[in-house]
Amino acid sequence: MEEVGRTSQLLHRGRMLEGITLSWNVVGIVVLAIAAIGARSVALAGFGLDSLIEIGASTVVLWELSGTGEERQRRALRLIGGAFVALAVYLAIQSSLVLADGYHPRHSLLGIAWTAVTAVAMFLLADGKARTGRALHNPVLQTEGRVTAIDGVLAVAVLAGLVLNSALGWWWADPTAAYVLVYYAFKESFEIFSGDATRTT
Protein backbone atom coordinates (compact mmCIF):
# COMPACT_ATOMS: atom_id res chain seq x y z
CA MET A 1 0.00 0.00 0.00
CA GLU A 2 2.84 2.36 0.86
CA GLU A 3 4.46 1.72 -2.53
CA VAL A 4 1.15 2.34 -4.33
CA GLY A 5 0.71 5.59 -2.42
CA ARG A 6 4.23 6.74 -3.33
CA THR A 7 3.69 5.87 -7.00
CA SER A 8 0.43 7.84 -7.00
CA GLN A 9 2.20 10.80 -5.41
CA LEU A 10 4.98 10.67 -7.99
CA LEU A 11 2.48 10.48 -10.86
CA HIS A 12 0.69 13.51 -9.45
CA ARG A 13 4.00 15.38 -9.23
CA GLY A 14 4.85 14.43 -12.82
CA ARG A 15 1.48 15.66 -14.09
CA MET A 16 1.87 18.88 -12.08
CA LEU A 17 5.34 19.55 -13.55
CA GLU A 18 4.03 18.97 -17.07
CA GLY A 19 1.00 21.17 -16.39
CA ILE A 20 3.25 24.02 -15.25
CA THR A 21 5.47 23.58 -18.33
CA LEU A 22 2.43 23.54 -20.61
CA SER A 23 0.93 26.68 -19.06
CA TRP A 24 4.27 28.52 -19.08
CA ASN A 25 4.80 27.86 -22.77
CA VAL A 26 1.24 28.82 -23.71
CA VAL A 27 1.83 32.21 -22.07
CA GLY A 28 5.31 32.28 -23.61
CA ILE A 29 4.00 31.99 -27.17
CA VAL A 30 1.93 35.17 -26.67
CA VAL A 31 4.80 37.09 -24.99
CA LEU A 32 7.33 35.97 -27.59
CA ALA A 33 5.01 36.84 -30.48
CA ILE A 34 4.67 40.40 -29.12
CA ALA A 35 8.43 40.68 -28.50
CA ALA A 36 9.38 39.16 -31.88
CA ILE A 37 7.09 41.45 -33.85
CA GLY A 38 8.24 44.51 -31.91
CA ALA A 39 11.94 43.73 -32.36
CA ARG A 40 11.63 41.97 -35.73
CA SER A 41 13.73 39.25 -34.13
CA VAL A 42 14.07 35.91 -35.88
CA ALA A 43 15.63 34.44 -32.72
CA LEU A 44 12.59 35.32 -30.61
CA ALA A 45 10.28 33.94 -33.28
CA GLY A 46 12.32 30.73 -33.27
CA PHE A 47 12.11 30.52 -29.50
CA GLY A 48 8.34 30.81 -29.86
CA LEU A 49 8.39 27.75 -32.12
CA ASP A 50 10.48 25.93 -29.54
CA SER A 51 7.77 26.74 -26.98
CA LEU A 52 5.22 25.23 -29.37
CA ILE A 53 7.28 22.01 -29.57
CA GLU A 54 7.54 21.95 -25.78
CA ILE A 55 3.75 22.24 -25.55
CA GLY A 56 3.48 19.21 -27.81
CA ALA A 57 6.01 17.26 -25.74
CA SER A 58 4.21 18.10 -22.47
CA THR A 59 0.90 17.01 -23.99
CA VAL A 60 2.48 13.69 -25.02
CA VAL A 61 3.75 13.05 -21.49
CA LEU A 62 0.42 13.95 -19.86
CA TRP A 63 -1.20 11.46 -22.24
CA GLU A 64 1.39 8.79 -21.42
CA LEU A 65 1.10 9.29 -17.64
CA SER A 66 -2.65 8.64 -17.85
CA GLY A 67 -2.06 5.05 -19.01
CA THR A 68 0.40 2.18 -18.91
CA GLY A 69 2.06 -0.22 -21.29
CA GLU A 70 5.37 -0.45 -23.12
CA GLU A 71 3.81 0.18 -26.54
CA ARG A 72 2.29 3.42 -25.27
CA GLN A 73 5.69 4.48 -23.92
CA ARG A 74 7.38 3.67 -27.23
CA ARG A 75 4.87 5.73 -29.18
CA ALA A 76 5.24 8.63 -26.75
CA LEU A 77 9.03 8.49 -27.01
CA ARG A 78 8.88 8.50 -30.83
CA LEU A 79 6.68 11.59 -30.76
CA ILE A 80 9.15 13.37 -28.48
CA GLY A 81 11.99 12.25 -30.75
CA GLY A 82 10.15 13.76 -33.69
CA ALA A 83 9.86 17.04 -31.77
CA PHE A 84 13.64 17.03 -31.26
CA VAL A 85 14.23 16.50 -34.98
CA ALA A 86 11.81 19.29 -35.90
CA LEU A 87 13.52 21.66 -33.48
CA ALA A 88 17.01 20.80 -34.78
CA VAL A 89 16.02 21.19 -38.45
CA TYR A 90 14.28 24.50 -37.80
CA LEU A 91 17.20 25.94 -35.83
CA ALA A 92 19.73 24.83 -38.46
CA ILE A 93 17.74 26.46 -41.29
CA GLN A 94 16.87 29.59 -39.31
CA SER A 95 20.42 30.19 -38.08
CA SER A 96 21.91 29.71 -41.54
CA LEU A 97 19.43 32.10 -43.16
CA VAL A 98 19.97 34.78 -40.52
CA LEU A 99 23.75 34.57 -40.86
CA ALA A 100 23.58 34.57 -44.67
CA ASP A 101 21.20 37.52 -44.83
CA GLY A 102 23.02 39.54 -42.14
CA TYR A 103 19.66 40.30 -40.55
CA HIS A 104 19.88 42.85 -37.70
CA PRO A 105 17.07 42.62 -35.11
CA ARG A 106 16.07 45.56 -32.94
CA HIS A 107 16.60 45.65 -29.19
CA SER A 108 13.97 43.92 -27.04
CA LEU A 109 13.79 44.48 -23.28
CA LEU A 110 10.66 42.29 -23.15
CA GLY A 111 12.53 39.51 -24.94
CA ILE A 112 15.51 39.79 -22.58
CA ALA A 113 13.31 39.69 -19.48
CA TRP A 114 11.20 36.76 -20.67
CA THR A 115 14.09 34.58 -21.84
CA ALA A 116 15.99 35.20 -18.59
CA VAL A 117 13.04 34.13 -16.42
CA THR A 118 12.22 31.24 -18.76
CA ALA A 119 15.77 29.87 -18.56
CA VAL A 120 15.56 29.62 -14.76
CA ALA A 121 12.05 28.12 -14.86
CA MET A 122 12.94 25.49 -17.49
CA PHE A 123 16.07 24.31 -15.67
CA LEU A 124 14.11 23.92 -12.42
CA LEU A 125 11.30 22.05 -14.20
CA ALA A 126 13.79 19.84 -16.06
CA ASP A 127 15.44 18.86 -12.77
CA GLY A 128 12.07 18.04 -11.22
CA LYS A 129 11.09 15.88 -14.21
CA ALA A 130 14.41 14.03 -14.18
CA ARG A 131 14.09 13.21 -10.48
CA THR A 132 10.45 12.18 -10.75
CA GLY A 133 11.05 10.17 -13.92
CA ARG A 134 13.90 8.24 -12.29
CA ALA A 135 11.80 7.52 -9.20
CA LEU A 136 8.95 6.25 -11.41
CA HIS A 137 11.33 4.40 -13.77
CA ASN A 138 9.53 6.29 -16.52
CA PRO A 139 11.75 6.93 -19.58
CA VAL A 140 9.14 9.17 -21.22
CA LEU A 141 9.11 11.68 -18.36
CA GLN A 142 12.92 11.57 -18.17
CA THR A 143 13.23 12.16 -21.92
CA GLU A 144 10.78 15.05 -21.88
CA GLY A 145 12.81 16.47 -19.01
CA ARG A 146 15.72 16.66 -21.44
CA VAL A 147 13.46 18.49 -23.92
CA THR A 148 12.76 21.01 -21.14
CA ALA A 149 16.49 21.30 -20.36
CA ILE A 150 17.20 22.04 -24.04
CA ASP A 151 14.44 24.66 -23.87
CA GLY A 152 16.37 26.23 -20.99
CA VAL A 153 19.66 26.12 -22.89
CA LEU A 154 17.97 27.70 -25.91
CA ALA A 155 16.60 30.43 -23.65
CA VAL A 156 20.16 31.15 -22.46
CA ALA A 157 21.43 31.20 -26.06
CA VAL A 158 18.69 33.58 -27.20
CA LEU A 159 19.21 35.72 -24.09
CA ALA A 160 22.94 35.94 -24.81
CA GLY A 161 22.24 36.95 -28.39
CA LEU A 162 19.73 39.61 -27.36
CA VAL A 163 22.08 41.06 -24.73
CA LEU A 164 25.10 41.06 -27.04
CA ASN A 165 23.04 42.65 -29.80
CA SER A 166 21.77 45.35 -27.44
CA ALA A 167 25.09 46.02 -25.71
CA LEU A 168 27.64 45.50 -28.50
CA GLY A 169 25.67 45.29 -31.72
CA TRP A 170 26.73 41.66 -32.27
CA TRP A 171 23.67 40.65 -34.29
CA TRP A 172 25.24 37.29 -35.29
CA ALA A 173 25.62 36.02 -31.71
CA ASP A 174 22.30 34.22 -31.24
CA PRO A 175 22.12 32.40 -34.62
CA THR A 176 25.68 31.18 -34.00
CA ALA A 177 24.83 29.96 -30.49
CA ALA A 178 21.78 28.13 -31.86
CA TYR A 179 24.07 25.65 -33.66
CA VAL A 180 24.94 24.21 -30.24
CA LEU A 181 21.25 23.43 -29.78
CA VAL A 182 21.13 21.76 -33.18
CA TYR A 183 23.82 19.32 -32.01
CA TYR A 184 22.08 18.47 -28.74
CA ALA A 185 18.65 18.12 -30.34
CA PHE A 186 19.95 15.71 -32.99
CA LYS A 187 21.87 13.79 -30.29
CA GLU A 188 18.75 13.35 -28.16
CA SER A 189 16.62 12.30 -31.14
CA PHE A 190 19.26 9.73 -32.14
CA GLU A 191 19.27 8.25 -28.62
CA ILE A 192 15.47 8.04 -28.62
CA PHE A 193 15.15 6.35 -31.99
CA SER A 194 18.11 4.01 -31.35
CA GLY A 195 16.46 2.82 -28.14
CA ASP A 196 18.95 4.31 -25.65
CA ALA A 197 16.25 6.49 -24.08
CA THR A 198 14.26 3.44 -22.99
CA ARG A 199 17.00 2.53 -20.51
CA THR A 200 16.21 3.97 -17.12
CA THR A 201 19.03 5.26 -14.92
C-alpha atoms as a PDB file:
ATOM      1  CA  MET A   1       0.000   0.000   0.000  1.00  0.00           C
ATOM      2  CA  GLU A   2       2.836   2.364   0.860  1.00  0.00           C
ATOM      3  CA  GLU A   3       4.458   1.717  -2.531  1.00  0.00           C
ATOM      4  CA  VAL A   4       1.154   2.336  -4.332  1.00  0.00           C
ATOM      5  CA  GLY A   5       0.707   5.587  -2.421  1.00  0.00           C
ATOM      6  CA  ARG A   6       4.229   6.739  -3.333  1.00  0.00           C
ATOM      7  CA  THR A   7       3.687   5.873  -6.995  1.00  0.00           C
ATOM      8  CA  SER A   8       0.426   7.836  -6.998  1.00  0.00           C
ATOM      9  CA  GLN A   9       2.199  10.802  -5.408  1.00  0.00           C
ATOM     10  CA  LEU A  10       4.983  10.674  -7.989  1.00  0.00           C
ATOM     11  CA  LEU A  11       2.481  10.482 -10.858  1.00  0.00           C
ATOM     12  CA  HIS A  12       0.686  13.512  -9.448  1.00  0.00           C
ATOM     13  CA  ARG A  13       4.001  15.378  -9.233  1.00  0.00           C
ATOM     14  CA  GLY A  14       4.851  14.426 -12.821  1.00  0.00           C
ATOM     15  CA  ARG A  15       1.480  15.661 -14.093  1.00  0.00           C
ATOM     16  CA  MET A  16       1.873  18.875 -12.080  1.00  0.00           C
ATOM     17  CA  LEU A  17       5.338  19.551 -13.555  1.00  0.00           C
ATOM     18  CA  GLU A  18       4.027  18.970 -17.073  1.00  0.00           C
ATOM     19  CA  GLY A  19       1.004  21.166 -16.395  1.00  0.00           C
ATOM     20  CA  ILE A  20       3.253  24.017 -15.246  1.00  0.00           C
ATOM     21  CA  THR A  21       5.469  23.580 -18.329  1.00  0.00           C
ATOM     22  CA  LEU A  22       2.432  23.539 -20.608  1.00  0.00           C
ATOM     23  CA  SER A  23       0.927  26.680 -19.057  1.00  0.00           C
ATOM     24  CA  TRP A  24       4.269  28.517 -19.076  1.00  0.00           C
ATOM     25  CA  ASN A  25       4.802  27.856 -22.765  1.00  0.00           C
ATOM     26  CA  VAL A  26       1.243  28.819 -23.713  1.00  0.00           C
ATOM     27  CA  VAL A  27       1.832  32.211 -22.071  1.00  0.00           C
ATOM     28  CA  GLY A  28       5.315  32.279 -23.608  1.00  0.00           C
ATOM     29  CA  ILE A  29       4.001  31.995 -27.170  1.00  0.00           C
ATOM     30  CA  VAL A  30       1.934  35.173 -26.665  1.00  0.00           C
ATOM     31  CA  VAL A  31       4.797  37.089 -24.987  1.00  0.00           C
ATOM     32  CA  LEU A  32       7.329  35.968 -27.589  1.00  0.00           C
ATOM     33  CA  ALA A  33       5.014  36.843 -30.476  1.00  0.00           C
ATOM     34  CA  ILE A  34       4.670  40.400 -29.124  1.00  0.00           C
ATOM     35  CA  ALA A  35       8.431  40.683 -28.502  1.00  0.00           C
ATOM     36  CA  ALA A  36       9.380  39.159 -31.875  1.00  0.00           C
ATOM     37  CA  ILE A  37       7.089  41.447 -33.849  1.00  0.00           C
ATOM     38  CA  GLY A  38       8.243  44.507 -31.910  1.00  0.00           C
ATOM     39  CA  ALA A  39      11.942  43.727 -32.364  1.00  0.00           C
ATOM     40  CA  ARG A  40      11.630  41.970 -35.732  1.00  0.00           C
ATOM     41  CA  SER A  41      13.727  39.253 -34.128  1.00  0.00           C
ATOM     42  CA  VAL A  42      14.072  35.914 -35.879  1.00  0.00           C
ATOM     43  CA  ALA A  43      15.630  34.443 -32.725  1.00  0.00           C
ATOM     44  CA  LEU A  44      12.589  35.319 -30.615  1.00  0.00           C
ATOM     45  CA  ALA A  45      10.279  33.937 -33.280  1.00  0.00           C
ATOM     46  CA  GLY A  46      12.322  30.731 -33.272  1.00  0.00           C
ATOM     47  CA  PHE A  47      12.110  30.522 -29.503  1.00  0.00           C
ATOM     48  CA  GLY A  48       8.342  30.808 -29.859  1.00  0.00           C
ATOM     49  CA  LEU A  49       8.392  27.750 -32.125  1.00  0.00           C
ATOM     50  CA  ASP A  50      10.478  25.933 -29.537  1.00  0.00           C
ATOM     51  CA  SER A  51       7.768  26.738 -26.982  1.00  0.00           C
ATOM     52  CA  LEU A  52       5.224  25.232 -29.373  1.00  0.00           C
ATOM     53  CA  ILE A  53       7.275  22.011 -29.571  1.00  0.00           C
ATOM     54  CA  GLU A  54       7.544  21.955 -25.783  1.00  0.00           C
ATOM     55  CA  ILE A  55       3.747  22.242 -25.549  1.00  0.00           C
ATOM     56  CA  GLY A  56       3.478  19.212 -27.813  1.00  0.00           C
ATOM     57  CA  ALA A  57       6.005  17.255 -25.739  1.00  0.00           C
ATOM     58  CA  SER A  58       4.215  18.103 -22.474  1.00  0.00           C
ATOM     59  CA  THR A  59       0.899  17.013 -23.985  1.00  0.00           C
ATOM     60  CA  VAL A  60       2.477  13.693 -25.017  1.00  0.00           C
ATOM     61  CA  VAL A  61       3.750  13.049 -21.486  1.00  0.00           C
ATOM     62  CA  LEU A  62       0.425  13.951 -19.859  1.00  0.00           C
ATOM     63  CA  TRP A  63      -1.199  11.462 -22.244  1.00  0.00           C
ATOM     64  CA  GLU A  64       1.394   8.790 -21.416  1.00  0.00           C
ATOM     65  CA  LEU A  65       1.098   9.295 -17.642  1.00  0.00           C
ATOM     66  CA  SER A  66      -2.652   8.644 -17.851  1.00  0.00           C
ATOM     67  CA  GLY A  67      -2.061   5.047 -19.005  1.00  0.00           C
ATOM     68  CA  THR A  68       0.397   2.185 -18.911  1.00  0.00           C
ATOM     69  CA  GLY A  69       2.064  -0.224 -21.287  1.00  0.00           C
ATOM     70  CA  GLU A  70       5.365  -0.449 -23.123  1.00  0.00           C
ATOM     71  CA  GLU A  71       3.815   0.182 -26.544  1.00  0.00           C
ATOM     72  CA  ARG A  72       2.292   3.420 -25.271  1.00  0.00           C
ATOM     73  CA  GLN A  73       5.686   4.480 -23.924  1.00  0.00           C
ATOM     74  CA  ARG A  74       7.381   3.667 -27.232  1.00  0.00           C
ATOM     75  CA  ARG A  75       4.865   5.735 -29.182  1.00  0.00           C
ATOM     76  CA  ALA A  76       5.237   8.631 -26.748  1.00  0.00           C
ATOM     77  CA  LEU A  77       9.034   8.489 -27.015  1.00  0.00           C
ATOM     78  CA  ARG A  78       8.879   8.499 -30.828  1.00  0.00           C
ATOM     79  CA  LEU A  79       6.676  11.590 -30.757  1.00  0.00           C
ATOM     80  CA  ILE A  80       9.146  13.370 -28.482  1.00  0.00           C
ATOM     81  CA  GLY A  81      11.993  12.252 -30.752  1.00  0.00           C
ATOM     82  CA  GLY A  82      10.148  13.764 -33.692  1.00  0.00           C
ATOM     83  CA  ALA A  83       9.860  17.036 -31.773  1.00  0.00           C
ATOM     84  CA  PHE A  84      13.643  17.035 -31.264  1.00  0.00           C
ATOM     85  CA  VAL A  85      14.229  16.498 -34.980  1.00  0.00           C
ATOM     86  CA  ALA A  86      11.806  19.290 -35.903  1.00  0.00           C
ATOM     87  CA  LEU A  87      13.524  21.662 -33.479  1.00  0.00           C
ATOM     88  CA  ALA A  88      17.006  20.796 -34.783  1.00  0.00           C
ATOM     89  CA  VAL A  89      16.018  21.192 -38.448  1.00  0.00           C
ATOM     90  CA  TYR A  90      14.279  24.503 -37.802  1.00  0.00           C
ATOM     91  CA  LEU A  91      17.199  25.940 -35.833  1.00  0.00           C
ATOM     92  CA  ALA A  92      19.732  24.833 -38.459  1.00  0.00           C
ATOM     93  CA  ILE A  93      17.743  26.465 -41.287  1.00  0.00           C
ATOM     94  CA  GLN A  94      16.867  29.592 -39.307  1.00  0.00           C
ATOM     95  CA  SER A  95      20.416  30.194 -38.079  1.00  0.00           C
ATOM     96  CA  SER A  96      21.907  29.705 -41.545  1.00  0.00           C
ATOM     97  CA  LEU A  97      19.426  32.097 -43.163  1.00  0.00           C
ATOM     98  CA  VAL A  98      19.970  34.782 -40.519  1.00  0.00           C
ATOM     99  CA  LEU A  99      23.751  34.570 -40.865  1.00  0.00           C
ATOM    100  CA  ALA A 100      23.584  34.566 -44.674  1.00  0.00           C
ATOM    101  CA  ASP A 101      21.202  37.525 -44.834  1.00  0.00           C
ATOM    102  CA  GLY A 102      23.016  39.536 -42.141  1.00  0.00           C
ATOM    103  CA  TYR A 103      19.663  40.302 -40.549  1.00  0.00           C
ATOM    104  CA  HIS A 104      19.885  42.848 -37.697  1.00  0.00           C
ATOM    105  CA  PRO A 105      17.071  42.617 -35.113  1.00  0.00           C
ATOM    106  CA  ARG A 106      16.069  45.563 -32.943  1.00  0.00           C
ATOM    107  CA  HIS A 107      16.599  45.651 -29.186  1.00  0.00           C
ATOM    108  CA  SER A 108      13.969  43.920 -27.035  1.00  0.00           C
ATOM    109  CA  LEU A 109      13.790  44.481 -23.284  1.00  0.00           C
ATOM    110  CA  LEU A 110      10.663  42.290 -23.150  1.00  0.00           C
ATOM    111  CA  GLY A 111      12.526  39.509 -24.936  1.00  0.00           C
ATOM    112  CA  ILE A 112      15.509  39.792 -22.583  1.00  0.00           C
ATOM    113  CA  ALA A 113      13.311  39.692 -19.476  1.00  0.00           C
ATOM    114  CA  TRP A 114      11.196  36.758 -20.672  1.00  0.00           C
ATOM    115  CA  THR A 115      14.092  34.578 -21.842  1.00  0.00           C
ATOM    116  CA  ALA A 116      15.987  35.198 -18.585  1.00  0.00           C
ATOM    117  CA  VAL A 117      13.042  34.129 -16.421  1.00  0.00           C
ATOM    118  CA  THR A 118      12.223  31.235 -18.755  1.00  0.00           C
ATOM    119  CA  ALA A 119      15.773  29.870 -18.562  1.00  0.00           C
ATOM    120  CA  VAL A 120      15.560  29.621 -14.759  1.00  0.00           C
ATOM    121  CA  ALA A 121      12.055  28.118 -14.856  1.00  0.00           C
ATOM    122  CA  MET A 122      12.936  25.494 -17.487  1.00  0.00           C
ATOM    123  CA  PHE A 123      16.073  24.309 -15.672  1.00  0.00           C
ATOM    124  CA  LEU A 124      14.106  23.921 -12.423  1.00  0.00           C
ATOM    125  CA  LEU A 125      11.297  22.050 -14.203  1.00  0.00           C
ATOM    126  CA  ALA A 126      13.787  19.844 -16.057  1.00  0.00           C
ATOM    127  CA  ASP A 127      15.444  18.858 -12.771  1.00  0.00           C
ATOM    128  CA  GLY A 128      12.070  18.041 -11.225  1.00  0.00           C
ATOM    129  CA  LYS A 129      11.086  15.883 -14.214  1.00  0.00           C
ATOM    130  CA  ALA A 130      14.412  14.035 -14.182  1.00  0.00           C
ATOM    131  CA  ARG A 131      14.095  13.213 -10.481  1.00  0.00           C
ATOM    132  CA  THR A 132      10.446  12.183 -10.751  1.00  0.00           C
ATOM    133  CA  GLY A 133      11.051  10.169 -13.919  1.00  0.00           C
ATOM    134  CA  ARG A 134      13.897   8.242 -12.288  1.00  0.00           C
ATOM    135  CA  ALA A 135      11.802   7.517  -9.204  1.00  0.00           C
ATOM    136  CA  LEU A 136       8.953   6.250 -11.408  1.00  0.00           C
ATOM    137  CA  HIS A 137      11.332   4.402 -13.769  1.00  0.00           C
ATOM    138  CA  ASN A 138       9.528   6.286 -16.519  1.00  0.00           C
ATOM    139  CA  PRO A 139      11.752   6.934 -19.577  1.00  0.00           C
ATOM    140  CA  VAL A 140       9.142   9.173 -21.223  1.00  0.00           C
ATOM    141  CA  LEU A 141       9.115  11.680 -18.361  1.00  0.00           C
ATOM    142  CA  GLN A 142      12.922  11.571 -18.169  1.00  0.00           C
ATOM    143  CA  THR A 143      13.229  12.164 -21.917  1.00  0.00           C
ATOM    144  CA  GLU A 144      10.779  15.049 -21.881  1.00  0.00           C
ATOM    145  CA  GLY A 145      12.811  16.472 -19.008  1.00  0.00           C
ATOM    146  CA  ARG A 146      15.721  16.661 -21.445  1.00  0.00           C
ATOM    147  CA  VAL A 147      13.462  18.495 -23.915  1.00  0.00           C
ATOM    148  CA  THR A 148      12.759  21.006 -21.139  1.00  0.00           C
ATOM    149  CA  ALA A 149      16.486  21.303 -20.362  1.00  0.00           C
ATOM    150  CA  ILE A 150      17.198  22.037 -24.037  1.00  0.00           C
ATOM    151  CA  ASP A 151      14.437  24.655 -23.875  1.00  0.00           C
ATOM    152  CA  GLY A 152      16.366  26.233 -20.992  1.00  0.00           C
ATOM    153  CA  VAL A 153      19.662  26.122 -22.894  1.00  0.00           C
ATOM    154  CA  LEU A 154      17.969  27.702 -25.907  1.00  0.00           C
ATOM    155  CA  ALA A 155      16.595  30.433 -23.647  1.00  0.00           C
ATOM    156  CA  VAL A 156      20.156  31.147 -22.462  1.00  0.00           C
ATOM    157  CA  ALA A 157      21.433  31.199 -26.062  1.00  0.00           C
ATOM    158  CA  VAL A 158      18.689  33.579 -27.199  1.00  0.00           C
ATOM    159  CA  LEU A 159      19.213  35.722 -24.094  1.00  0.00           C
ATOM    160  CA  ALA A 160      22.944  35.944 -24.806  1.00  0.00           C
ATOM    161  CA  GLY A 161      22.238  36.945 -28.393  1.00  0.00           C
ATOM    162  CA  LEU A 162      19.731  39.611 -27.358  1.00  0.00           C
ATOM    163  CA  VAL A 163      22.078  41.056 -24.726  1.00  0.00           C
ATOM    164  CA  LEU A 164      25.105  41.058 -27.044  1.00  0.00           C
ATOM    165  CA  ASN A 165      23.039  42.647 -29.803  1.00  0.00           C
ATOM    166  CA  SER A 166      21.769  45.350 -27.443  1.00  0.00           C
ATOM    167  CA  ALA A 167      25.092  46.021 -25.713  1.00  0.00           C
ATOM    168  CA  LEU A 168      27.643  45.503 -28.498  1.00  0.00           C
ATOM    169  CA  GLY A 169      25.666  45.286 -31.724  1.00  0.00           C
ATOM    170  CA  TRP A 170      26.735  41.655 -32.268  1.00  0.00           C
ATOM    171  CA  TRP A 171      23.665  40.646 -34.291  1.00  0.00           C
ATOM    172  CA  TRP A 172      25.235  37.295 -35.286  1.00  0.00           C
ATOM    173  CA  ALA A 173      25.624  36.017 -31.709  1.00  0.00           C
ATOM    174  CA  ASP A 174      22.296  34.222 -31.244  1.00  0.00           C
ATOM    175  CA  PRO A 175      22.117  32.398 -34.617  1.00  0.00           C
ATOM    176  CA  THR A 176      25.679  31.185 -34.003  1.00  0.00           C
ATOM    177  CA  ALA A 177      24.834  29.961 -30.491  1.00  0.00           C
ATOM    178  CA  ALA A 178      21.784  28.127 -31.864  1.00  0.00           C
ATOM    179  CA  TYR A 179      24.067  25.651 -33.662  1.00  0.00           C
ATOM    180  CA  VAL A 180      24.936  24.211 -30.236  1.00  0.00           C
ATOM    181  CA  LEU A 181      21.245  23.431 -29.785  1.00  0.00           C
ATOM    182  CA  VAL A 182      21.127  21.758 -33.180  1.00  0.00           C
ATOM    183  CA  TYR A 183      23.817  19.320 -32.014  1.00  0.00           C
ATOM    184  CA  TYR A 184      22.082  18.467 -28.736  1.00  0.00           C
ATOM    185  CA  ALA A 185      18.652  18.121 -30.338  1.00  0.00           C
ATOM    186  CA  PHE A 186      19.946  15.705 -32.986  1.00  0.00           C
ATOM    187  CA  LYS A 187      21.868  13.794 -30.291  1.00  0.00           C
ATOM    188  CA  GLU A 188      18.751  13.352 -28.160  1.00  0.00           C
ATOM    189  CA  SER A 189      16.616  12.300 -31.139  1.00  0.00           C
ATOM    190  CA  PHE A 190      19.257   9.726 -32.137  1.00  0.00           C
ATOM    191  CA  GLU A 191      19.267   8.249 -28.624  1.00  0.00           C
ATOM    192  CA  ILE A 192      15.472   8.042 -28.620  1.00  0.00           C
ATOM    193  CA  PHE A 193      15.151   6.347 -31.988  1.00  0.00           C
ATOM    194  CA  SER A 194      18.106   4.010 -31.352  1.00  0.00           C
ATOM    195  CA  GLY A 195      16.461   2.816 -28.142  1.00  0.00           C
ATOM    196  CA  ASP A 196      18.952   4.312 -25.652  1.00  0.00           C
ATOM    197  CA  ALA A 197      16.254   6.490 -24.081  1.00  0.00           C
ATOM    198  CA  THR A 198      14.265   3.445 -22.987  1.00  0.00           C
ATOM    199  CA  ARG A 199      16.997   2.533 -20.511  1.00  0.00           C
ATOM    200  CA  THR A 200      16.209   3.973 -17.120  1.00  0.00           C
ATOM    201  CA  THR A 201      19.027   5.257 -14.917  1.00  0.00           C
END
